[in-house]
C-alpha atoms as a PDB file:
ATOM      1  CA  MET A   1      82.384  87.614 103.834  1.00  0.00           C
ATOM      2  CA  GLU A   2      85.193  89.138 101.813  1.00  0.00           C
ATOM      3  CA  ILE A   3      84.822  88.146  98.154  1.00  0.00           C
ATOM      4  CA  ILE A   4      87.923  88.027  95.966  1.00  0.00           C
ATOM      5  CA  PRO A   5      87.168  87.562  92.255  1.00  0.00           C
ATOM      6  CA  ALA A   6      89.746  85.475  90.397  1.00  0.00           C
ATOM      7  CA  ILE A   7      91.281  85.876  86.975  1.00  0.00           C
ATOM      8  CA  ASP A   8      93.540  83.089  85.746  1.00  0.00           C
ATOM      9  CA  LEU A   9      96.012  84.235  83.095  1.00  0.00           C
ATOM     10  CA  ARG A  10      97.239  82.094  80.235  1.00  0.00           C
ATOM     11  CA  ASN A  11      98.699  83.431  76.994  1.00  0.00           C
ATOM     12  CA  GLN A  12      97.671  86.968  78.011  1.00  0.00           C
ATOM     13  CA  GLN A  13      94.025  85.887  78.260  1.00  0.00           C
ATOM     14  CA  SER A  14      91.607  85.153  81.094  1.00  0.00           C
ATOM     15  CA  VAL A  15      90.801  81.441  81.298  1.00  0.00           C
ATOM     16  CA  ARG A  16      89.512  78.847  83.745  1.00  0.00           C
ATOM     17  CA  LEU A  17      90.840  75.345  84.189  1.00  0.00           C
ATOM     18  CA  TYR A  18      88.789  72.329  85.232  1.00  0.00           C
ATOM     19  CA  GLN A  19      90.346  70.727  88.333  1.00  0.00           C
ATOM     20  CA  GLY A  20      93.649  72.371  87.464  1.00  0.00           C
ATOM     21  CA  ASP A  21      93.929  70.480  84.160  1.00  0.00           C
ATOM     22  CA  PHE A  22      95.761  72.542  81.521  1.00  0.00           C
ATOM     23  CA  GLU A  23      94.105  70.396  78.853  1.00  0.00           C
ATOM     24  CA  GLN A  24      90.644  71.492  80.025  1.00  0.00           C
ATOM     25  CA  THR A  25      90.788  75.248  79.536  1.00  0.00           C
ATOM     26  CA  THR A  26      87.834  77.576  78.994  1.00  0.00           C
ATOM     27  CA  LEU A  27      88.398  81.061  77.590  1.00  0.00           C
ATOM     28  CA  ILE A  28      86.685  83.637  79.810  1.00  0.00           C
ATOM     29  CA  ALA A  29      87.884  86.940  78.361  1.00  0.00           C
ATOM     30  CA  GLN A  30      90.412  87.954  75.722  1.00  0.00           C
ATOM     31  CA  ASP A  31      91.134  91.185  77.608  1.00  0.00           C
ATOM     32  CA  PRO A  32      91.850  90.518  81.320  1.00  0.00           C
ATOM     33  CA  LEU A  33      92.430  94.237  81.944  1.00  0.00           C
ATOM     34  CA  GLN A  34      88.907  95.034  80.797  1.00  0.00           C
ATOM     35  CA  GLN A  35      87.582  92.214  82.982  1.00  0.00           C
ATOM     36  CA  ALA A  36      89.454  93.660  85.970  1.00  0.00           C
ATOM     37  CA  LYS A  37      87.956  97.089  85.309  1.00  0.00           C
ATOM     38  CA  GLN A  38      84.466  95.548  85.311  1.00  0.00           C
ATOM     39  CA  ILE A  39      85.215  93.936  88.675  1.00  0.00           C
ATOM     40  CA  GLU A  40      86.309  97.306  90.054  1.00  0.00           C
ATOM     41  CA  THR A  41      83.260  99.091  88.624  1.00  0.00           C
ATOM     42  CA  ALA A  42      81.003  96.561  90.371  1.00  0.00           C
ATOM     43  CA  GLY A  43      82.421  97.744  93.694  1.00  0.00           C
ATOM     44  CA  LEU A  44      84.723  94.877  94.601  1.00  0.00           C
ATOM     45  CA  LYS A  45      88.036  95.786  96.204  1.00  0.00           C
ATOM     46  CA  ARG A  46      90.396  92.836  95.686  1.00  0.00           C
ATOM     47  CA  LEU A  47      91.500  90.755  92.729  1.00  0.00           C
ATOM     48  CA  HIS A  48      93.130  87.322  92.765  1.00  0.00           C
ATOM     49  CA  LEU A  49      95.402  86.808  89.763  1.00  0.00           C
ATOM     50  CA  VAL A  50      97.012  83.493  88.891  1.00  0.00           C
ATOM     51  CA  ASP A  51      99.789  83.382  86.318  1.00  0.00           C
ATOM     52  CA  LEU A  52      99.098  79.885  84.994  1.00  0.00           C
ATOM     53  CA  ASP A  53     101.990  80.093  82.525  1.00  0.00           C
ATOM     54  CA  GLY A  54     104.171  81.067  85.469  1.00  0.00           C
ATOM     55  CA  ALA A  55     102.946  78.210  87.640  1.00  0.00           C
ATOM     56  CA  LYS A  56     103.896  75.785  84.898  1.00  0.00           C
ATOM     57  CA  SER A  57     107.265  77.311  84.016  1.00  0.00           C
ATOM     58  CA  GLY A  58     108.395  78.369  87.506  1.00  0.00           C
ATOM     59  CA  ARG A  59     108.879  82.048  86.637  1.00  0.00           C
ATOM     60  CA  PRO A  60     106.568  85.077  86.223  1.00  0.00           C
ATOM     61  CA  VAL A  61     105.335  85.099  82.612  1.00  0.00           C
ATOM     62  CA  ASN A  62     102.388  87.526  82.592  1.00  0.00           C
ATOM     63  CA  ARG A  63     104.059  90.165  84.754  1.00  0.00           C
ATOM     64  CA  GLU A  64     103.684  93.067  82.306  1.00  0.00           C
ATOM     65  CA  LEU A  65      99.945  92.435  81.993  1.00  0.00           C
ATOM     66  CA  ILE A  66      99.679  92.223  85.779  1.00  0.00           C
ATOM     67  CA  LYS A  67     101.530  95.541  86.103  1.00  0.00           C
ATOM     68  CA  ARG A  68      99.006  97.148  83.736  1.00  0.00           C
ATOM     69  CA  ILE A  69      96.067  95.839  85.769  1.00  0.00           C
ATOM     70  CA  CYS A  70      97.641  97.296  88.918  1.00  0.00           C
ATOM     71  CA  ALA A  71      98.350 100.622  87.202  1.00  0.00           C
ATOM     72  CA  GLU A  72      94.952 101.050  85.567  1.00  0.00           C
ATOM     73  CA  THR A  73      92.707  99.971  88.473  1.00  0.00           C
ATOM     74  CA  ASP A  74      92.594 100.692  92.193  1.00  0.00           C
ATOM     75  CA  LEU A  75      92.037  97.027  93.024  1.00  0.00           C
ATOM     76  CA  LYS A  76      94.183  95.418  95.703  1.00  0.00           C
ATOM     77  CA  VAL A  77      95.813  92.774  93.562  1.00  0.00           C
ATOM     78  CA  GLU A  78      97.216  89.501  94.870  1.00  0.00           C
ATOM     79  CA  VAL A  79      99.284  87.360  92.520  1.00  0.00           C
ATOM     80  CA  GLY A  80     100.341  83.722  92.497  1.00  0.00           C
ATOM     81  CA  GLY A  81     102.011  81.432  89.990  1.00  0.00           C
ATOM     82  CA  GLY A  82     105.687  80.807  89.400  1.00  0.00           C
ATOM     83  CA  ILE A  83     107.021  82.967  92.211  1.00  0.00           C
ATOM     84  CA  ARG A  84     110.206  81.287  93.422  1.00  0.00           C
ATOM     85  CA  THR A  85     112.661  84.026  94.524  1.00  0.00           C
ATOM     86  CA  LEU A  86     112.846  87.101  96.746  1.00  0.00           C
ATOM     87  CA  ALA A  87     113.709  89.156  93.650  1.00  0.00           C
ATOM     88  CA  GLN A  88     110.477  88.041  91.947  1.00  0.00           C
ATOM     89  CA  ILE A  89     108.478  88.865  95.079  1.00  0.00           C
ATOM     90  CA  ASN A  90     110.092  92.289  95.270  1.00  0.00           C
ATOM     91  CA  GLY A  91     109.468  92.830  91.570  1.00  0.00           C
ATOM     92  CA  TYR A  92     105.747  92.296  92.022  1.00  0.00           C
ATOM     93  CA  LEU A  93     105.420  94.261  95.267  1.00  0.00           C
ATOM     94  CA  THR A  94     107.211  97.266  93.766  1.00  0.00           C
ATOM     95  CA  SER A  95     105.036  97.220  90.631  1.00  0.00           C
ATOM     96  CA  GLY A  96     101.689  97.716  92.357  1.00  0.00           C
ATOM     97  CA  VAL A  97     100.809  94.223  93.605  1.00  0.00           C
ATOM     98  CA  SER A  98      99.541  94.329  97.213  1.00  0.00           C
ATOM     99  CA  ARG A  99     100.457  90.764  98.131  1.00  0.00           C
ATOM    100  CA  VAL A 100     102.069  87.711  96.579  1.00  0.00           C
ATOM    101  CA  ILE A 101     101.024  84.096  96.957  1.00  0.00           C
ATOM    102  CA  LEU A 102     103.725  81.468  97.372  1.00  0.00           C
ATOM    103  CA  GLY A 103     102.540  77.975  96.473  1.00  0.00           C
ATOM    104  CA  SER A 104     105.012  75.233  95.597  1.00  0.00           C
ATOM    105  CA  ALA A 105     107.803  77.171  97.325  1.00  0.00           C
ATOM    106  CA  ALA A 106     106.097  76.669 100.690  1.00  0.00           C
ATOM    107  CA  LEU A 107     106.793  72.955 100.375  1.00  0.00           C
ATOM    108  CA  THR A 108     110.019  72.926  98.371  1.00  0.00           C
ATOM    109  CA  ASP A 109     111.719  76.034  99.806  1.00  0.00           C
ATOM    110  CA  PRO A 110     110.314  76.962 103.244  1.00  0.00           C
ATOM    111  CA  GLN A 111     113.396  79.102 103.862  1.00  0.00           C
ATOM    112  CA  LEU A 112     112.217  81.405 101.050  1.00  0.00           C
ATOM    113  CA  VAL A 113     108.854  81.857 102.780  1.00  0.00           C
ATOM    114  CA  GLN A 114     110.560  82.692 106.071  1.00  0.00           C
ATOM    115  CA  GLU A 115     112.852  85.224 104.390  1.00  0.00           C
ATOM    116  CA  ALA A 116     109.924  86.741 102.485  1.00  0.00           C
ATOM    117  CA  VAL A 117     107.848  87.163 105.655  1.00  0.00           C
ATOM    118  CA  ASN A 118     110.835  88.700 107.437  1.00  0.00           C
ATOM    119  CA  GLN A 119     111.573  91.082 104.569  1.00  0.00           C
ATOM    120  CA  PHE A 120     108.113  92.048 103.340  1.00  0.00           C
ATOM    121  CA  GLY A 121     105.789  91.280 106.272  1.00  0.00           C
ATOM    122  CA  ASN A 122     103.044  88.695 106.702  1.00  0.00           C
ATOM    123  CA  ASP A 123     100.417  91.049 105.264  1.00  0.00           C
ATOM    124  CA  GLN A 124     102.166  90.957 101.859  1.00  0.00           C
ATOM    125  CA  VAL A 125     103.123  87.278 101.792  1.00  0.00           C
ATOM    126  CA  VAL A 126     100.330  84.715 101.450  1.00  0.00           C
ATOM    127  CA  VAL A 127     100.824  80.959 101.214  1.00  0.00           C
ATOM    128  CA  GLY A 128      98.675  79.019  98.785  1.00  0.00           C
ATOM    129  CA  ILE A 129      98.013  75.418  99.764  1.00  0.00           C
ATOM    130  CA  ASP A 130      96.466  73.316  97.030  1.00  0.00           C
ATOM    131  CA  GLY A 131      95.490  69.789  97.835  1.00  0.00           C
ATOM    132  CA  LYS A 132      93.664  66.616  96.985  1.00  0.00           C
ATOM    133  CA  ASP A 133      92.418  64.139  99.565  1.00  0.00           C
ATOM    134  CA  GLY A 134      94.096  66.277 102.224  1.00  0.00           C
ATOM    135  CA  LYS A 135      97.551  66.016 100.592  1.00  0.00           C
ATOM    136  CA  VAL A 136      99.447  68.950  99.077  1.00  0.00           C
ATOM    137  CA  ALA A 137      99.841  69.296  95.289  1.00  0.00           C
ATOM    138  CA  ILE A 138     102.578  71.430  93.727  1.00  0.00           C
ATOM    139  CA  SER A 139     103.941  72.719  90.391  1.00  0.00           C
ATOM    140  CA  GLY A 140     100.666  74.011  89.036  1.00  0.00           C
ATOM    141  CA  TRP A 141      98.966  70.897  90.444  1.00  0.00           C
ATOM    142  CA  LEU A 142     101.033  68.684  88.196  1.00  0.00           C
ATOM    143  CA  GLU A 143     102.584  66.800  91.125  1.00  0.00           C
ATOM    144  CA  GLU A 144     101.142  65.402  94.343  1.00  0.00           C
ATOM    145  CA  SER A 145     103.205  65.177  97.527  1.00  0.00           C
ATOM    146  CA  ASP A 146     102.985  62.978 100.611  1.00  0.00           C
ATOM    147  CA  VAL A 147     102.664  66.008 102.898  1.00  0.00           C
ATOM    148  CA  SER A 148      99.283  66.734 104.477  1.00  0.00           C
ATOM    149  CA  MET A 149      97.781  70.213 104.162  1.00  0.00           C
ATOM    150  CA  SER A 150      97.647  70.440 107.960  1.00  0.00           C
ATOM    151  CA  THR A 151     101.355  69.603 108.301  1.00  0.00           C
ATOM    152  CA  LEU A 152     102.337  72.253 105.763  1.00  0.00           C
ATOM    153  CA  MET A 153     100.159  74.850 107.486  1.00  0.00           C
ATOM    154  CA  THR A 154     101.798  74.034 110.816  1.00  0.00           C
ATOM    155  CA  SER A 155     105.266  74.709 109.417  1.00  0.00           C
ATOM    156  CA  MET A 156     104.141  77.902 107.682  1.00  0.00           C
ATOM    157  CA  VAL A 157     102.443  79.299 110.799  1.00  0.00           C
ATOM    158  CA  ALA A 158     105.723  78.653 112.604  1.00  0.00           C
ATOM    159  CA  VAL A 159     107.552  81.048 110.253  1.00  0.00           C
ATOM    160  CA  GLY A 160     104.929  83.758 110.666  1.00  0.00           C
ATOM    161  CA  VAL A 161     102.443  83.203 107.840  1.00  0.00           C
ATOM    162  CA  VAL A 162      98.922  84.403 108.688  1.00  0.00           C
ATOM    163  CA  ASN A 163      97.015  84.360 105.363  1.00  0.00           C
ATOM    164  CA  PHE A 164      96.437  81.120 103.474  1.00  0.00           C
ATOM    165  CA  VAL A 165      94.635  80.472 100.200  1.00  0.00           C
ATOM    166  CA  VAL A 166      93.387  76.895 100.509  1.00  0.00           C
ATOM    167  CA  THR A 167      92.174  75.087  97.394  1.00  0.00           C
ATOM    168  CA  ASP A 168      90.687  71.637  97.042  1.00  0.00           C
ATOM    169  CA  ILE A 169      91.762  70.729  93.504  1.00  0.00           C
ATOM    170  CA  THR A 170      88.889  68.300  93.074  1.00  0.00           C
ATOM    171  CA  LYS A 171      86.480  71.220  93.505  1.00  0.00           C
ATOM    172  CA  ASP A 172      88.270  73.873  91.484  1.00  0.00           C
ATOM    173  CA  GLY A 173      86.453  74.957  88.351  1.00  0.00           C
ATOM    174  CA  THR A 174      83.734  72.352  88.838  1.00  0.00           C
ATOM    175  CA  LEU A 175      80.860  74.512  90.172  1.00  0.00           C
ATOM    176  CA  SER A 176      80.187  71.675  92.624  1.00  0.00           C
ATOM    177  CA  GLY A 177      80.429  73.618  95.885  1.00  0.00           C
ATOM    178  CA  PRO A 178      83.437  74.144  98.154  1.00  0.00           C
ATOM    179  CA  ASN A 179      84.908  71.572 100.522  1.00  0.00           C
ATOM    180  CA  VAL A 180      83.429  73.238 103.609  1.00  0.00           C
ATOM    181  CA  ASN A 181      84.382  70.322 105.837  1.00  0.00           C
ATOM    182  CA  LEU A 182      88.094  70.542 104.983  1.00  0.00           C
ATOM    183  CA  LEU A 183      88.223  74.340 105.156  1.00  0.00           C
ATOM    184  CA  GLY A 184      86.282  74.526 108.412  1.00  0.00           C
ATOM    185  CA  LYS A 185      88.529  71.935 110.068  1.00  0.00           C
ATOM    186  CA  LEU A 186      91.698  73.768 109.018  1.00  0.00           C
ATOM    187  CA  GLN A 187      90.326  77.097 110.229  1.00  0.00           C
ATOM    188  CA  GLN A 188      89.474  75.505 113.592  1.00  0.00           C
ATOM    189  CA  GLU A 189      92.894  73.890 113.810  1.00  0.00           C
ATOM    190  CA  PHE A 190      94.630  77.199 113.059  1.00  0.00           C
ATOM    191  CA  PRO A 191      92.406  79.856 114.664  1.00  0.00           C
ATOM    192  CA  THR A 192      95.005  82.636 114.430  1.00  0.00           C
ATOM    193  CA  THR A 193      95.135  82.396 110.628  1.00  0.00           C
ATOM    194  CA  ARG A 194      92.853  83.778 107.940  1.00  0.00           C
ATOM    195  CA  LEU A 195      91.839  81.057 105.503  1.00  0.00           C
ATOM    196  CA  ILE A 196      90.816  82.216 102.050  1.00  0.00           C
ATOM    197  CA  ALA A 197      88.583  79.546 100.558  1.00  0.00           C
ATOM    198  CA  SER A 198      89.167  78.640  96.923  1.00  0.00           C
ATOM    199  CA  GLY A 199      87.538  76.094  94.638  1.00  0.00           C
ATOM    200  CA  GLY A 200      83.948  75.188  93.855  1.00  0.00           C
ATOM    201  CA  VAL A 201      82.142  78.274  95.201  1.00  0.00           C
ATOM    202  CA  THR A 202      78.975  78.520  93.098  1.00  0.00           C
ATOM    203  CA  THR A 203      76.084  79.993  95.091  1.00  0.00           C
ATOM    204  CA  VAL A 204      75.348  82.490  97.836  1.00  0.00           C
ATOM    205  CA  ALA A 205      74.474  79.449  99.974  1.00  0.00           C
ATOM    206  CA  ASP A 206      78.049  78.180  99.463  1.00  0.00           C
ATOM    207  CA  LEU A 207      79.358  81.481 100.764  1.00  0.00           C
ATOM    208  CA  GLN A 208      77.031  81.280 103.744  1.00  0.00           C
ATOM    209  CA  SER A 209      78.184  77.735 104.518  1.00  0.00           C
ATOM    210  CA  LEU A 210      81.786  78.921 104.488  1.00  0.00           C
ATOM    211  CA  ALA A 211      80.935  81.853 106.747  1.00  0.00           C
ATOM    212  CA  ASP A 212      79.164  79.480 109.149  1.00  0.00           C
ATOM    213  CA  ALA A 213      82.362  77.395 109.235  1.00  0.00           C
ATOM    214  CA  GLY A 214      84.355  80.454 110.299  1.00  0.00           C
ATOM    215  CA  ILE A 215      85.796  81.346 106.900  1.00  0.00           C
ATOM    216  CA  LYS A 216      85.970  85.103 106.319  1.00  0.00           C
ATOM    217  CA  SER A 217      87.252  85.281 102.724  1.00  0.00           C
ATOM    218  CA  ALA A 218      86.435  83.388  99.529  1.00  0.00           C
ATOM    219  CA  ILE A 219      87.760  83.402  95.988  1.00  0.00           C
ATOM    220  CA  VAL A 220      85.210  83.163  93.195  1.00  0.00           C
ATOM    221  CA  GLY A 221      86.277  82.314  89.658  1.00  0.00           C
ATOM    222  CA  ARG A 222      84.222  80.161  87.314  1.00  0.00           C
ATOM    223  CA  ALA A 223      80.877  81.009  88.953  1.00  0.00           C
ATOM    224  CA  MET A 224      81.559  84.686  88.259  1.00  0.00           C
ATOM    225  CA  ALA A 225      82.255  83.912  84.606  1.00  0.00           C
ATOM    226  CA  THR A 226      79.209  81.681  84.129  1.00  0.00           C
ATOM    227  CA  GLY A 227      76.852  84.128  85.829  1.00  0.00           C
ATOM    228  CA  ASP A 228      75.993  81.763  88.686  1.00  0.00           C
ATOM    229  CA  LEU A 229      77.439  84.462  90.953  1.00  0.00           C
ATOM    230  CA  PRO A 230      77.306  87.717  88.961  1.00  0.00           C
ATOM    231  CA  LEU A 231      79.458  90.665  89.982  1.00  0.00           C
ATOM    232  CA  LYS A 232      76.463  92.531  91.399  1.00  0.00           C
ATOM    233  CA  THR A 233      75.713  89.658  93.789  1.00  0.00           C
ATOM    234  CA  LEU A 234      79.356  89.310  94.777  1.00  0.00           C
ATOM    235  CA  ALA A 235      79.576  93.027  95.516  1.00  0.00           C
ATOM    236  CA  GLU A 236      76.465  92.825  97.720  1.00  0.00           C
ATOM    237  CA  VAL A 237      77.839  89.879  99.691  1.00  0.00           C
ATOM    238  CA  SER A 238      81.247  91.512  99.997  1.00  0.00           C
ATOM    239  CA  SER A 239      79.758  94.763 101.268  1.00  0.00           C
ATOM    240  CA  HIS A 240      78.800  92.816 104.401  1.00  0.00           C
ATOM    241  CA  ALA A 241      82.394  91.626 104.781  1.00  0.00           C
ATOM    242  CA  SER A 242      83.573  90.990 108.286  1.00  0.00           C
END
């Protein structure tokens, strides 16, 4: 199981939201760069960064901080939040980011995703699908759509997307366990893709359940911050990554 620790950025700080609610924010670390260095020291290889300010405003806000994290660590950094144009994607990929995550744009501007995959390759372009009750949510989870997660995945696979970060909003930041049923079904439905599970992962048993469902990668955020899944444990699980 590949473990990808998550740092959510808001006002230049590391925070966690509860079920994507900007009104329910917990401060995790005042210095996200230092937090990233601790993740690297523990032996983990990837880092999932979310520009929450960017997701809300529709443009990269914490880009300079993200550039510093890329420059001062050897982590393979993936970034999502507010990425809406090819120029923004290029800006990140040329400043040390290894892959970008397109969220709302996958639903509102599928042409952008196709152009991004064509220009940068499907190893550098990831689609993030956030949902509730099987339906896609967009704009930093502030809006729900009528499109099913499965339907959106179908259209994204058609334009060449291989890697998907799939989040059940109702699980995110809750420490209540991931939606293994949803994730497993999507992975079965799209066997040629790599689903990266996000939301609710709290215990090693959760990670095992995901692995049993065919999921090879998982993002861990709040459980890392609370100590439910300390960095040492995450590094041990990730060292057995498939």
